[in-house]
Amino acid sequence: MAYAAQIKIPATYMRGGTSKGVFFSLLDLPAQAQVPGAARDALLLRVIGSPDPYEKQIDGMGAATSSTSKTVIVSKSLHADHDVDYLFGQVSIDKPFVDWSGNCGNLSAAVGSFAISSGLVDASRIPRNGTAVVRIWQANISKTIIAHVPITDGAVQETGDFELDGVTFPAAEVQLEFLNPAADEEGAGGSMFPTGNLVDDLEVPGVGSLKVTMINAGIPTIFVNAQAIGYTGAELQNDINSDPKALAMFETIRAHGALRMGLIDTLEDAAKRQHTPKVAFVAGPVDYVSSSGKPVSAQNVDLLVRALSMGKLHHAMMGTAAVAIGTAAAIPGTLVNLAAGGALRSAVRFGHPSGTLRVGAEARQVDGEWTVTKAIMSRSARVLMEGWVRVPGDSF
């Protein structure tokens, strides 16, 4: 019996923020994968090593966590006043699908440097030394991201002394601006608060009635008070991920919240939309020890936040969820704002399992509706490997 030979596709393996994924230039993909559809999804699944019933992704580039089962496609922009278009695919670990429903804020930090290094940004926009401003069209959610990428001797500067909790080694700082980050989610009416309320009562079978803030900013997110579900807000990954009942509870909250937000039509649809919405729980500041053993003092944070991604507690914080946190913190009356003390603020520092993160947001109320013009945070990015990925030629 004859078997198809492997083919090789140019690719770059990059870390962005506290995530890593496989980056492609659109035109480097096989022709049938240059357009959305089954062939593209099948190719990316095979690259990452999914679906894997063992949940290890041994036969692919994934590393068996939501933070590392990711793909990015970048191309020259088709949109005015943008340099590149950026499409993010969250690859399921154990199921045969790629979720295109949202952005990855962490990998957004790597898009600018990948685009520059791949020749996708006009050379006139790249200084010999200084900062290149890369205008990114985020194609999943139709939003603009501005990346400030450090440049030395005409090339991307990746090394530096910027430390990011959740990442072991320092690197060069990349500042990101998420412009008008309230997500225009289909079915959610384009509203930052899809129900029109800053806080809602959400009936969750087996849990009860929970106070929640449901927001479309950065990524659709459902916030709940930690105390209401039996937590302190200082939990680490193993406290949640080793508890099947807790994970089932969070998924039930997520499914009912998604239905209330108008993101799905039936509860069963939640299983087909793993990437969004996110669920996060918040609490006021307390002292705790992060996953690296670093103490986090209550005096150094405004609140604590823990968030789940793809059914598991995240080891740090998703970048898009950080945008949601910063946005909600800036709006008086949300659960996030109340956990942070309830004051009007333009920035917040929150504690997560790996340490702390600061994010800023500019919010204002117009005709009774809250809008956010931008959210700002700093990440870092680095190329880990570049060359080709190989997949069997008949796998897509």
Protein backbone atom coordinates (compact mmCIF):
# COMPACT_ATOMS: atom_id res chain seq x y z
CA MET A 1 0.00 0.00 0.00
CA ALA A 2 1.32 3.42 -0.97
CA TYR A 3 1.36 6.22 1.59
CA ALA A 4 1.48 9.95 0.94
CA ALA A 5 4.83 11.60 1.53
CA GLN A 6 5.19 14.45 3.97
CA ILE A 7 5.14 18.00 2.68
CA LYS A 8 6.89 20.94 4.30
CA ILE A 9 5.42 24.39 4.87
CA PRO A 10 7.36 27.51 5.92
CA ALA A 11 6.50 28.37 9.51
CA THR A 12 7.78 30.13 12.61
CA TYR A 13 7.28 28.91 16.18
CA MET A 14 6.91 31.95 18.42
CA ARG A 15 6.20 32.90 21.98
CA GLY A 16 3.93 35.87 22.45
CA GLY A 17 3.20 36.94 26.01
CA THR A 18 2.38 33.80 28.02
CA SER A 19 1.38 31.79 24.94
CA LYS A 20 3.17 30.21 22.01
CA GLY A 21 2.00 29.05 18.61
CA VAL A 22 2.84 28.28 15.01
CA PHE A 23 2.85 31.34 12.72
CA PHE A 24 2.31 31.22 8.95
CA SER A 25 2.39 33.77 6.17
CA LEU A 26 -0.87 33.25 4.30
CA LEU A 27 0.78 32.82 0.89
CA ASP A 28 3.12 30.14 2.26
CA LEU A 29 0.18 27.85 2.96
CA PRO A 30 -0.91 25.27 0.37
CA ALA A 31 -3.43 26.81 -2.03
CA GLN A 32 -6.44 24.98 -0.59
CA ALA A 33 -5.54 26.19 2.91
CA GLN A 34 -5.21 29.84 1.90
CA VAL A 35 -8.98 30.20 2.19
CA PRO A 36 -11.19 29.41 5.20
CA GLY A 37 -12.69 25.95 5.23
CA ALA A 38 -12.24 22.29 6.00
CA ALA A 39 -8.83 21.99 4.31
CA ARG A 40 -7.33 24.83 6.35
CA ASP A 41 -8.74 23.45 9.60
CA ALA A 42 -7.51 19.94 8.84
CA LEU A 43 -4.03 21.23 8.07
CA LEU A 44 -3.76 23.24 11.28
CA LEU A 45 -5.09 20.33 13.33
CA ARG A 46 -2.38 18.08 11.88
CA VAL A 47 0.33 20.69 12.44
CA ILE A 48 -0.58 21.02 16.11
CA GLY A 49 -1.21 17.29 16.61
CA SER A 50 -4.96 17.23 17.18
CA PRO A 51 -7.35 15.67 17.85
CA ASP A 52 -5.42 13.65 20.39
CA PRO A 53 -7.40 11.32 22.70
CA TYR A 54 -4.30 11.12 24.90
CA GLU A 55 -4.37 14.95 25.24
CA LYS A 56 -0.58 15.21 24.82
CA GLN A 57 -0.21 16.36 21.18
CA ILE A 58 2.93 14.26 20.90
CA ASP A 59 2.63 14.04 17.12
CA GLY A 60 2.50 17.77 16.52
CA MET A 61 3.69 21.20 17.57
CA GLY A 62 1.17 21.68 20.37
CA ALA A 63 2.14 21.26 24.02
CA ALA A 64 -1.20 20.04 25.39
CA THR A 65 -2.41 23.28 26.99
CA SER A 66 -4.74 26.00 25.77
CA SER A 67 -1.76 28.41 25.86
CA THR A 68 0.24 26.33 23.40
CA SER A 69 -2.37 24.84 21.05
CA LYS A 70 -2.49 27.88 18.82
CA THR A 71 -1.99 28.96 15.22
CA VAL A 72 -1.66 32.34 13.51
CA ILE A 73 -1.99 33.35 9.86
CA VAL A 74 -0.64 36.76 8.80
CA SER A 75 -0.87 38.53 5.44
CA LYS A 76 -0.47 41.98 3.95
CA SER A 77 -3.55 43.93 4.90
CA LEU A 78 -6.56 44.34 2.70
CA HIS A 79 -7.80 47.12 4.99
CA ALA A 80 -6.99 50.80 4.66
CA ASP A 81 -4.44 52.25 7.09
CA HIS A 82 -3.32 48.81 8.29
CA ASP A 83 -0.10 46.94 7.62
CA VAL A 84 -1.16 43.34 8.12
CA ASP A 85 -4.20 41.17 8.65
CA TYR A 86 -3.95 38.70 11.54
CA LEU A 87 -6.12 35.60 11.93
CA PHE A 88 -5.98 33.44 15.06
CA GLY A 89 -7.00 29.80 15.31
CA GLN A 90 -7.39 28.13 18.72
CA VAL A 91 -6.89 24.42 18.08
CA SER A 92 -8.83 21.99 20.24
CA ILE A 93 -6.58 19.45 21.93
CA ASP A 94 -8.87 16.41 21.96
CA LYS A 95 -11.57 17.33 19.45
CA PRO A 96 -11.35 17.80 15.65
CA PHE A 97 -12.01 21.50 15.32
CA VAL A 98 -10.34 24.91 15.20
CA ASP A 99 -12.14 27.72 17.01
CA TRP A 100 -12.02 31.01 15.08
CA SER A 101 -14.43 32.88 17.38
CA GLY A 102 -11.94 35.18 19.12
CA ASN A 103 -8.50 36.72 19.30
CA CYS A 104 -5.41 35.75 21.31
CA GLY A 105 -4.11 38.83 23.09
CA ASN A 106 -0.84 37.18 24.05
CA LEU A 107 0.08 36.09 20.53
CA SER A 108 -0.95 39.55 19.32
CA ALA A 109 2.38 40.66 20.83
CA ALA A 110 4.26 38.49 18.33
CA VAL A 111 2.32 39.47 15.21
CA GLY A 112 4.16 42.75 14.65
CA SER A 113 7.62 41.25 14.91
CA PHE A 114 6.65 38.26 12.74
CA ALA A 115 5.22 40.61 10.12
CA ILE A 116 8.37 42.74 10.05
CA SER A 117 10.72 39.77 9.90
CA SER A 118 8.62 38.15 7.16
CA GLY A 119 8.72 41.23 4.93
CA LEU A 120 5.00 41.93 5.27
CA VAL A 121 5.48 45.51 6.53
CA ASP A 122 6.61 48.22 4.12
CA ALA A 123 10.29 48.97 4.70
CA SER A 124 9.57 52.69 4.88
CA ARG A 125 7.68 52.11 8.14
CA ILE A 126 10.61 50.44 9.88
CA PRO A 127 13.23 52.74 11.45
CA ARG A 128 16.91 51.84 11.57
CA ASN A 129 16.71 52.20 15.34
CA GLY A 130 13.74 52.98 17.54
CA THR A 131 10.19 51.66 17.48
CA ALA A 132 8.18 50.38 14.54
CA VAL A 133 4.46 51.03 14.81
CA VAL A 134 2.66 48.10 13.19
CA ARG A 135 -1.04 48.55 12.42
CA ILE A 136 -2.72 45.16 12.73
CA TRP A 137 -6.22 44.26 11.57
CA GLN A 138 -7.48 41.49 13.86
CA ALA A 139 -9.60 39.52 11.41
CA ASN A 140 -11.42 37.28 13.92
CA ILE A 141 -13.13 40.21 15.64
CA SER A 142 -12.65 43.02 13.08
CA LYS A 143 -10.64 45.25 15.41
CA THR A 144 -7.41 47.25 15.23
CA ILE A 145 -4.34 46.49 17.32
CA ILE A 146 -1.31 48.78 17.33
CA ALA A 147 1.97 47.04 18.18
CA HIS A 148 5.03 49.07 19.18
CA VAL A 149 7.94 46.83 18.19
CA PRO A 150 11.52 47.74 19.23
CA ILE A 151 14.00 47.86 16.35
CA THR A 152 17.81 47.75 16.52
CA ASP A 153 19.99 48.03 13.41
CA GLY A 154 16.95 47.56 11.20
CA ALA A 155 15.87 44.27 12.78
CA VAL A 156 13.37 43.32 15.46
CA GLN A 157 14.90 43.55 18.94
CA GLU A 158 13.78 40.50 20.89
CA THR A 159 16.12 40.46 23.87
CA GLY A 160 15.77 42.87 26.77
CA ASP A 161 15.10 43.28 30.46
CA PHE A 162 11.28 43.41 30.46
CA GLU A 163 9.93 40.80 32.86
CA LEU A 164 6.47 39.30 32.40
CA ASP A 165 5.03 37.11 35.15
CA GLY A 166 4.30 33.70 33.67
CA VAL A 167 7.37 33.85 31.38
CA THR A 168 10.66 32.56 32.79
CA PHE A 169 13.15 34.81 30.99
CA PRO A 170 13.17 38.58 30.31
CA ALA A 171 12.84 39.96 26.78
CA ALA A 172 12.18 43.19 24.92
CA GLU A 173 8.97 45.01 25.79
CA VAL A 174 6.23 45.24 23.17
CA GLN A 175 3.43 47.66 23.96
CA LEU A 176 0.01 46.84 22.54
CA GLU A 177 -2.94 49.16 22.03
CA PHE A 178 -6.32 47.49 21.49
CA LEU A 179 -8.44 50.16 19.84
CA ASN A 180 -12.18 50.23 20.50
CA PRO A 181 -11.90 46.76 22.06
CA ALA A 182 -15.61 46.17 22.69
CA ALA A 183 -16.23 43.12 20.53
CA ASP A 184 -18.96 43.24 17.88
CA GLU A 185 -20.09 39.69 18.54
CA GLU A 186 -22.73 38.23 16.27
CA GLY A 187 -25.93 37.85 18.24
CA ALA A 188 -24.78 40.23 20.95
CA GLY A 189 -25.98 43.36 19.21
CA GLY A 190 -22.52 44.88 19.15
CA SER A 191 -22.95 46.08 22.73
CA MET A 192 -20.16 46.00 25.29
CA PHE A 193 -22.72 44.74 27.80
CA PRO A 194 -24.96 42.43 25.76
CA THR A 195 -27.81 42.42 28.31
CA GLY A 196 -27.59 46.17 28.83
CA ASN A 197 -26.65 45.63 32.49
CA LEU A 198 -23.36 46.00 34.35
CA VAL A 199 -24.41 43.14 36.65
CA ASP A 200 -26.92 40.38 35.97
CA ASP A 201 -28.44 37.50 37.92
CA LEU A 202 -27.52 34.30 36.08
CA GLU A 203 -29.38 31.11 36.97
CA VAL A 204 -26.98 28.18 36.80
CA PRO A 205 -28.37 24.68 37.42
CA GLY A 206 -26.59 22.97 40.29
CA VAL A 207 -24.98 26.25 41.37
CA GLY A 208 -27.83 28.70 41.91
CA SER A 209 -28.32 32.35 41.07
CA LEU A 210 -24.99 34.13 40.55
CA LYS A 211 -24.22 37.82 40.21
CA VAL A 212 -22.22 38.14 36.98
CA THR A 213 -20.75 40.85 34.78
CA MET A 214 -20.90 39.80 31.13
CA ILE A 215 -18.80 41.95 28.83
CA ASN A 216 -17.67 41.99 25.21
CA ALA A 217 -14.26 43.66 25.32
CA GLY A 218 -11.06 42.06 24.12
CA ILE A 219 -12.90 38.75 24.30
CA PRO A 220 -16.39 37.91 25.58
CA THR A 221 -15.98 37.23 29.30
CA ILE A 222 -18.23 36.23 32.18
CA PHE A 223 -17.04 37.54 35.56
CA VAL A 224 -18.28 36.06 38.84
CA ASN A 225 -17.32 36.77 42.45
CA ALA A 226 -14.90 34.16 43.81
CA GLN A 227 -16.66 33.97 47.16
CA ALA A 228 -19.99 33.16 45.51
CA ILE A 229 -18.57 29.89 44.14
CA GLY A 230 -16.50 28.96 47.18
CA TYR A 231 -13.09 30.39 46.28
CA THR A 232 -10.78 33.11 47.58
CA GLY A 233 -9.39 34.30 44.24
CA ALA A 234 -5.86 33.23 45.24
CA GLU A 235 -6.14 29.73 43.75
CA LEU A 236 -3.41 28.24 41.57
CA GLN A 237 -3.85 25.92 38.60
CA ASN A 238 -3.87 22.62 40.47
CA ASP A 239 -6.51 23.85 42.90
CA ILE A 240 -8.99 24.01 40.03
CA ASN A 241 -7.68 21.72 37.31
CA SER A 242 -7.40 18.70 39.61
CA ASP A 243 -11.07 19.01 40.55
CA PRO A 244 -13.42 17.59 37.88
CA LYS A 245 -16.49 18.90 39.71
CA ALA A 246 -15.07 22.43 39.69
CA LEU A 247 -14.29 22.24 35.97
CA ALA A 248 -17.79 20.97 35.24
CA MET A 249 -19.25 23.83 37.29
CA PHE A 250 -17.25 26.43 35.37
CA GLU A 251 -18.29 24.92 32.05
CA THR A 252 -21.94 25.06 33.12
CA ILE A 253 -21.53 28.72 34.08
CA ARG A 254 -19.83 29.37 30.74
CA ALA A 255 -22.55 27.67 28.72
CA HIS A 256 -25.42 29.47 30.46
CA GLY A 257 -23.56 32.79 30.26
CA ALA A 258 -22.88 32.30 26.54
CA LEU A 259 -26.58 31.68 25.97
CA ARG A 260 -27.53 34.78 27.96
CA MET A 261 -24.99 36.85 26.00
CA GLY A 262 -26.49 35.74 22.70
CA LEU A 263 -23.29 34.02 21.58
CA ILE A 264 -24.96 30.62 21.11
CA ASP A 265 -28.50 29.51 20.27
CA THR A 266 -28.65 26.42 22.48
CA LEU A 267 -26.68 25.17 25.48
CA GLU A 268 -25.37 22.31 23.35
CA ASP A 269 -23.66 24.84 21.06
CA ALA A 270 -21.22 25.76 23.87
CA ALA A 271 -19.26 22.56 23.24
CA LYS A 272 -18.58 23.73 19.68
CA ARG A 273 -17.32 27.12 20.87
CA GLN A 274 -14.60 26.37 23.41
CA HIS A 275 -12.51 29.52 22.94
CA THR A 276 -15.25 32.00 23.80
CA PRO A 277 -16.64 33.20 26.09
CA LYS A 278 -14.14 33.02 28.94
CA VAL A 279 -15.11 32.60 32.59
CA ALA A 280 -13.20 34.46 35.30
CA PHE A 281 -13.63 34.90 39.04
CA VAL A 282 -12.61 37.99 40.97
CA ALA A 283 -11.85 38.92 44.56
CA GLY A 284 -10.35 41.72 46.58
CA PRO A 285 -6.60 41.68 47.28
CA VAL A 286 -5.04 39.12 49.64
CA ASP A 287 -1.47 37.95 50.08
CA TYR A 288 -0.59 34.73 48.26
CA VAL A 289 2.36 32.87 46.76
CA SER A 290 2.42 32.60 42.96
CA SER A 291 3.10 29.38 41.06
CA SER A 292 6.79 30.31 40.76
CA GLY A 293 7.11 30.74 44.54
CA LYS A 294 7.16 34.53 44.26
CA PRO A 295 5.11 36.25 47.00
CA VAL A 296 2.36 38.58 45.82
CA SER A 297 1.43 41.23 48.37
CA ALA A 298 -2.14 42.46 48.70
CA GLN A 299 -0.67 45.98 48.87
CA ASN A 300 0.71 45.67 45.34
CA VAL A 301 -2.50 44.70 43.52
CA ASP A 302 -5.95 46.20 43.12
CA LEU A 303 -7.74 42.84 42.90
CA LEU A 304 -7.28 39.15 42.14
CA VAL A 305 -8.50 37.45 38.96
CA ARG A 306 -8.42 33.82 37.87
CA ALA A 307 -9.64 32.83 34.40
CA LEU A 308 -10.35 29.62 32.55
CA SER A 309 -9.40 28.94 28.95
CA MET A 310 -10.49 25.90 26.95
CA GLY A 311 -11.89 24.28 30.08
CA LYS A 312 -8.87 24.70 32.36
CA LEU A 313 -7.60 27.40 34.72
CA HIS A 314 -5.00 29.47 32.85
CA HIS A 315 -1.48 29.49 34.29
CA ALA A 316 -1.31 33.30 34.07
CA MET A 317 -3.82 35.47 32.19
CA MET A 318 -4.99 35.48 28.60
CA GLY A 319 -4.15 38.79 26.93
CA THR A 320 -7.65 39.31 25.62
CA ALA A 321 -9.09 38.54 29.05
CA ALA A 322 -6.71 41.15 30.47
CA VAL A 323 -8.33 43.66 28.09
CA ALA A 324 -11.73 42.61 29.43
CA ILE A 325 -10.45 43.01 33.00
CA GLY A 326 -9.02 46.46 32.34
CA THR A 327 -12.17 47.57 30.56
CA ALA A 328 -14.54 46.27 33.24
CA ALA A 329 -12.34 47.77 35.99
CA ALA A 330 -12.66 51.19 34.37
CA ILE A 331 -16.47 51.13 34.50
CA PRO A 332 -17.97 51.83 37.95
CA GLY A 333 -20.41 49.18 39.13
CA THR A 334 -19.09 46.06 37.40
CA LEU A 335 -18.00 43.14 39.59
CA VAL A 336 -14.41 43.75 38.48
CA ASN A 337 -14.56 47.42 39.42
CA LEU A 338 -16.18 46.63 42.77
CA ALA A 339 -13.55 43.99 43.58
CA ALA A 340 -10.91 46.65 42.89
CA GLY A 341 -12.50 49.04 45.36
CA GLY A 342 -15.19 50.66 43.24
CA ALA A 343 -13.30 53.84 42.31
CA LEU A 344 -13.13 55.42 38.88
CA ARG A 345 -9.79 54.29 37.41
CA SER A 346 -7.86 54.30 34.15
CA ALA A 347 -5.56 51.36 34.99
CA VAL A 348 -5.59 48.32 37.21
CA ARG A 349 -2.97 45.88 38.47
CA PHE A 350 -4.35 42.45 39.21
CA GLY A 351 -2.94 39.28 40.69
CA HIS A 352 -3.10 36.04 38.67
CA PRO A 353 -1.65 32.56 39.33
CA SER A 354 1.82 33.46 38.01
CA GLY A 355 2.12 36.96 39.49
CA THR A 356 0.71 40.34 38.51
CA LEU A 357 -0.20 42.30 35.39
CA ARG A 358 -1.07 45.94 34.76
CA VAL A 359 -3.55 46.95 32.06
CA GLY A 360 -4.99 50.36 31.27
CA ALA A 361 -8.27 51.34 29.64
CA GLU A 362 -9.88 54.61 28.60
CA ALA A 363 -13.64 54.41 29.27
CA ARG A 364 -16.34 57.02 28.92
CA GLN A 365 -20.12 57.16 28.96
CA VAL A 366 -21.94 58.57 25.93
CA ASP A 367 -25.73 58.88 25.94
CA GLY A 368 -25.93 56.36 28.75
CA GLU A 369 -23.78 53.80 26.94
CA TRP A 370 -20.26 52.91 28.06
CA THR A 371 -17.53 52.91 25.42
CA VAL A 372 -13.83 52.19 25.65
CA THR A 373 -11.56 53.86 23.13
CA LYS A 374 -8.47 51.81 23.90
CA ALA A 375 -6.89 49.29 26.24
CA ILE A 376 -3.13 49.21 26.71
CA MET A 377 -0.75 46.60 28.08
CA SER A 378 2.82 45.43 27.64
CA ARG A 379 3.94 41.95 26.64
CA SER A 380 7.02 40.46 25.01
CA ALA A 381 7.65 38.10 22.12
CA ARG A 382 10.42 35.94 20.76
CA VAL A 383 11.09 33.58 17.86
CA LEU A 384 11.70 30.08 19.21
CA MET A 385 12.28 28.26 15.92
CA GLU A 386 11.87 28.98 12.24
CA GLY A 387 11.98 26.86 9.11
CA TRP A 388 9.30 24.40 8.03
CA VAL A 389 6.68 22.24 9.63
CA ARG A 390 5.97 18.89 8.03
CA VAL A 391 2.65 17.11 7.69
CA PRO A 392 1.52 14.07 5.68
CA GLY A 393 0.45 15.26 2.25
CA ASP A 394 -2.97 13.63 2.52
CA SER A 395 -3.86 15.09 5.91
CA PHE A 396 -5.89 18.05 4.62
